[in-house]
Amino acid sequence: MSTERTLVLVKPDGVRRALVGEVISRIETKGYSIIALRMLDADRSILERHYVEHQGKPFYEPLLEFMASGPVVKMVVQGLHAVEMVRKITGGTLPSQADMGTIRGDYS
């Protein structure tokens, strides 16, 4: 059994839509622990470091602008196989491919 930690971000649109509690609830309902939680306005330097692998791609600047458009909630989730299971809870990256019953499938 592998206890892992993973980062979860509730992006500015999720914060504006008051979905932070729903995201936390879904994670905790599956038995995972929130071991760190913080709301912040991410400045450009933080976002550039976080999204460095996307630098030079056509969506890079719009992504940084979106992520700086309002507060984000970041949390560290811990539990058995946390990385894989949080991906299942949140759903596919593209909303059109996210299964119903996942966070993205239900809210994006």
C-alpha atoms as a PDB file:
ATOM      1  CA  MET A   1       0.000   0.000   0.000  1.00  0.00           C
ATOM      2  CA  SER A   2       1.312   3.413  -1.004  1.00  0.00           C
ATOM      3  CA  THR A   3       0.425   6.566   0.912  1.00  0.00           C
ATOM      4  CA  GLU A   4       0.906   9.508  -1.423  1.00  0.00           C
ATOM      5  CA  ARG A   5       0.371  13.244  -1.497  1.00  0.00           C
ATOM      6  CA  THR A   6      -0.918  15.238  -4.436  1.00  0.00           C
ATOM      7  CA  LEU A   7      -1.731  18.860  -5.173  1.00  0.00           C
ATOM      8  CA  VAL A   8      -5.313  19.865  -5.966  1.00  0.00           C
ATOM      9  CA  LEU A   9      -6.195  23.331  -7.268  1.00  0.00           C
ATOM     10  CA  VAL A  10      -9.673  24.793  -7.360  1.00  0.00           C
ATOM     11  CA  LYS A  11      -9.241  27.297 -10.140  1.00  0.00           C
ATOM     12  CA  PRO A  12     -10.679  30.824 -10.202  1.00  0.00           C
ATOM     13  CA  ASP A  13     -13.933  29.785 -11.903  1.00  0.00           C
ATOM     14  CA  GLY A  14     -14.530  27.065  -9.298  1.00  0.00           C
ATOM     15  CA  VAL A  15     -13.903  29.535  -6.476  1.00  0.00           C
ATOM     16  CA  ARG A  16     -16.282  32.078  -8.089  1.00  0.00           C
ATOM     17  CA  ARG A  17     -18.954  29.376  -8.422  1.00  0.00           C
ATOM     18  CA  ALA A  18     -18.584  28.402  -4.727  1.00  0.00           C
ATOM     19  CA  LEU A  19     -17.455  24.837  -5.506  1.00  0.00           C
ATOM     20  CA  VAL A  20     -14.579  24.656  -3.002  1.00  0.00           C
ATOM     21  CA  GLY A  21     -16.689  22.876  -0.382  1.00  0.00           C
ATOM     22  CA  GLU A  22     -17.973  20.382  -2.946  1.00  0.00           C
ATOM     23  CA  VAL A  23     -14.434  19.553  -4.081  1.00  0.00           C
ATOM     24  CA  ILE A  24     -13.272  19.060  -0.494  1.00  0.00           C
ATOM     25  CA  SER A  25     -16.350  16.979   0.323  1.00  0.00           C
ATOM     26  CA  ARG A  26     -15.823  14.626  -2.593  1.00  0.00           C
ATOM     27  CA  ILE A  27     -12.186  14.103  -1.672  1.00  0.00           C
ATOM     28  CA  GLU A  28     -12.908  13.504   2.005  1.00  0.00           C
ATOM     29  CA  THR A  29     -15.898  11.251   1.270  1.00  0.00           C
ATOM     30  CA  LYS A  30     -13.511   8.909  -0.555  1.00  0.00           C
ATOM     31  CA  GLY A  31     -11.376   8.685   2.585  1.00  0.00           C
ATOM     32  CA  TYR A  32      -8.575  11.092   1.687  1.00  0.00           C
ATOM     33  CA  SER A  33      -7.150  13.699   4.048  1.00  0.00           C
ATOM     34  CA  ILE A  34      -6.652  17.375   3.318  1.00  0.00           C
ATOM     35  CA  ILE A  35      -3.340  18.015   5.068  1.00  0.00           C
ATOM     36  CA  ALA A  36      -2.813  21.585   3.818  1.00  0.00           C
ATOM     37  CA  LEU A  37      -5.250  24.168   2.475  1.00  0.00           C
ATOM     38  CA  ARG A  38      -4.790  27.764   1.372  1.00  0.00           C
ATOM     39  CA  MET A  39      -6.587  30.376  -0.712  1.00  0.00           C
ATOM     40  CA  LEU A  40      -4.364  32.770  -2.600  1.00  0.00           C
ATOM     41  CA  ASP A  41      -4.144  35.149  -5.504  1.00  0.00           C
ATOM     42  CA  ALA A  42      -1.409  33.555  -7.587  1.00  0.00           C
ATOM     43  CA  ASP A  43       0.993  36.072  -9.061  1.00  0.00           C
ATOM     44  CA  ARG A  44       2.611  35.611 -12.432  1.00  0.00           C
ATOM     45  CA  SER A  45       5.933  34.334 -11.079  1.00  0.00           C
ATOM     46  CA  ILE A  46       4.208  31.532  -9.151  1.00  0.00           C
ATOM     47  CA  LEU A  47       2.121  30.610 -12.193  1.00  0.00           C
ATOM     48  CA  GLU A  48       5.140  30.637 -14.511  1.00  0.00           C
ATOM     49  CA  ARG A  49       6.927  28.162 -12.226  1.00  0.00           C
ATOM     50  CA  HIS A  50       3.862  25.944 -11.849  1.00  0.00           C
ATOM     51  CA  TYR A  51       3.119  25.794 -15.588  1.00  0.00           C
ATOM     52  CA  VAL A  52       6.727  25.852 -16.865  1.00  0.00           C
ATOM     53  CA  GLU A  53       6.193  22.669 -18.925  1.00  0.00           C
ATOM     54  CA  HIS A  54       3.627  24.539 -21.041  1.00  0.00           C
ATOM     55  CA  GLN A  55       5.847  27.539 -21.810  1.00  0.00           C
ATOM     56  CA  GLY A  56       5.883  28.277 -25.540  1.00  0.00           C
ATOM     57  CA  LYS A  57       2.592  26.472 -26.224  1.00  0.00           C
ATOM     58  CA  PRO A  58      -0.261  28.491 -27.737  1.00  0.00           C
ATOM     59  CA  PHE A  59      -2.436  28.205 -24.618  1.00  0.00           C
ATOM     60  CA  TYR A  60       0.303  29.279 -22.182  1.00  0.00           C
ATOM     61  CA  GLU A  61      -0.486  33.007 -21.949  1.00  0.00           C
ATOM     62  CA  PRO A  62      -4.294  32.517 -21.818  1.00  0.00           C
ATOM     63  CA  LEU A  63      -3.755  29.903 -19.084  1.00  0.00           C
ATOM     64  CA  LEU A  64      -1.677  32.291 -16.990  1.00  0.00           C
ATOM     65  CA  GLU A  65      -4.226  35.073 -17.488  1.00  0.00           C
ATOM     66  CA  PHE A  66      -7.077  32.776 -16.459  1.00  0.00           C
ATOM     67  CA  MET A  67      -5.262  31.487 -13.386  1.00  0.00           C
ATOM     68  CA  ALA A  68      -4.492  35.076 -12.327  1.00  0.00           C
ATOM     69  CA  SER A  69      -8.117  36.188 -12.841  1.00  0.00           C
ATOM     70  CA  GLY A  70      -9.134  35.462  -9.259  1.00  0.00           C
ATOM     71  CA  PRO A  71      -8.248  33.533  -6.143  1.00  0.00           C
ATOM     72  CA  VAL A  72      -7.387  29.843  -6.283  1.00  0.00           C
ATOM     73  CA  VAL A  73      -7.598  27.281  -3.510  1.00  0.00           C
ATOM     74  CA  LYS A  74      -4.688  24.913  -3.268  1.00  0.00           C
ATOM     75  CA  MET A  75      -4.685  21.832  -1.129  1.00  0.00           C
ATOM     76  CA  VAL A  76      -2.480  18.864  -0.470  1.00  0.00           C
ATOM     77  CA  VAL A  77      -4.394  15.594  -0.401  1.00  0.00           C
ATOM     78  CA  GLN A  78      -2.959  12.515   1.265  1.00  0.00           C
ATOM     79  CA  GLY A  79      -3.948   8.870   1.245  1.00  0.00           C
ATOM     80  CA  LEU A  80      -3.460   5.495  -0.353  1.00  0.00           C
ATOM     81  CA  HIS A  81      -2.811   5.864  -4.084  1.00  0.00           C
ATOM     82  CA  ALA A  82      -3.821   9.538  -3.799  1.00  0.00           C
ATOM     83  CA  VAL A  83      -2.496  10.585  -7.222  1.00  0.00           C
ATOM     84  CA  GLU A  84      -4.486   7.987  -9.167  1.00  0.00           C
ATOM     85  CA  MET A  85      -7.619   8.302  -7.066  1.00  0.00           C
ATOM     86  CA  VAL A  86      -7.742  12.111  -7.128  1.00  0.00           C
ATOM     87  CA  ARG A  87      -7.503  11.907 -10.921  1.00  0.00           C
ATOM     88  CA  LYS A  88     -10.528   9.594 -10.899  1.00  0.00           C
ATOM     89  CA  ILE A  89     -12.458  11.886  -8.538  1.00  0.00           C
ATOM     90  CA  THR A  90     -11.722  15.011 -10.598  1.00  0.00           C
ATOM     91  CA  GLY A  91     -12.283  13.407 -14.021  1.00  0.00           C
ATOM     92  CA  GLY A  92     -10.704  13.887 -17.424  1.00  0.00           C
ATOM     93  CA  THR A  93      -8.885  17.122 -18.170  1.00  0.00           C
ATOM     94  CA  LEU A  94     -11.147  17.962 -21.086  1.00  0.00           C
ATOM     95  CA  PRO A  95     -14.679  18.642 -19.836  1.00  0.00           C
ATOM     96  CA  SER A  96     -16.168  16.905 -22.878  1.00  0.00           C
ATOM     97  CA  GLN A  97     -14.323  13.722 -21.893  1.00  0.00           C
ATOM     98  CA  ALA A  98     -14.975  13.833 -18.138  1.00  0.00           C
ATOM     99  CA  ASP A  99     -17.344  11.146 -16.896  1.00  0.00           C
ATOM    100  CA  MET A 100     -20.534  12.156 -15.109  1.00  0.00           C
ATOM    101  CA  GLY A 101     -20.081  11.674 -11.387  1.00  0.00           C
ATOM    102  CA  THR A 102     -16.629  13.272 -11.467  1.00  0.00           C
ATOM    103  CA  ILE A 103     -16.059  16.869 -10.435  1.00  0.00           C
ATOM    104  CA  ARG A 104     -15.319  18.014 -13.990  1.00  0.00           C
ATOM    105  CA  GLY A 105     -18.104  15.879 -15.453  1.00  0.00           C
ATOM    106  CA  ASP A 106     -20.654  17.387 -13.083  1.00  0.00           C
ATOM    107  CA  TYR A 107     -19.511  21.009 -12.943  1.00  0.00           C
ATOM    108  CA  SER A 108     -17.523  21.969 -16.025  1.00  0.00           C
END
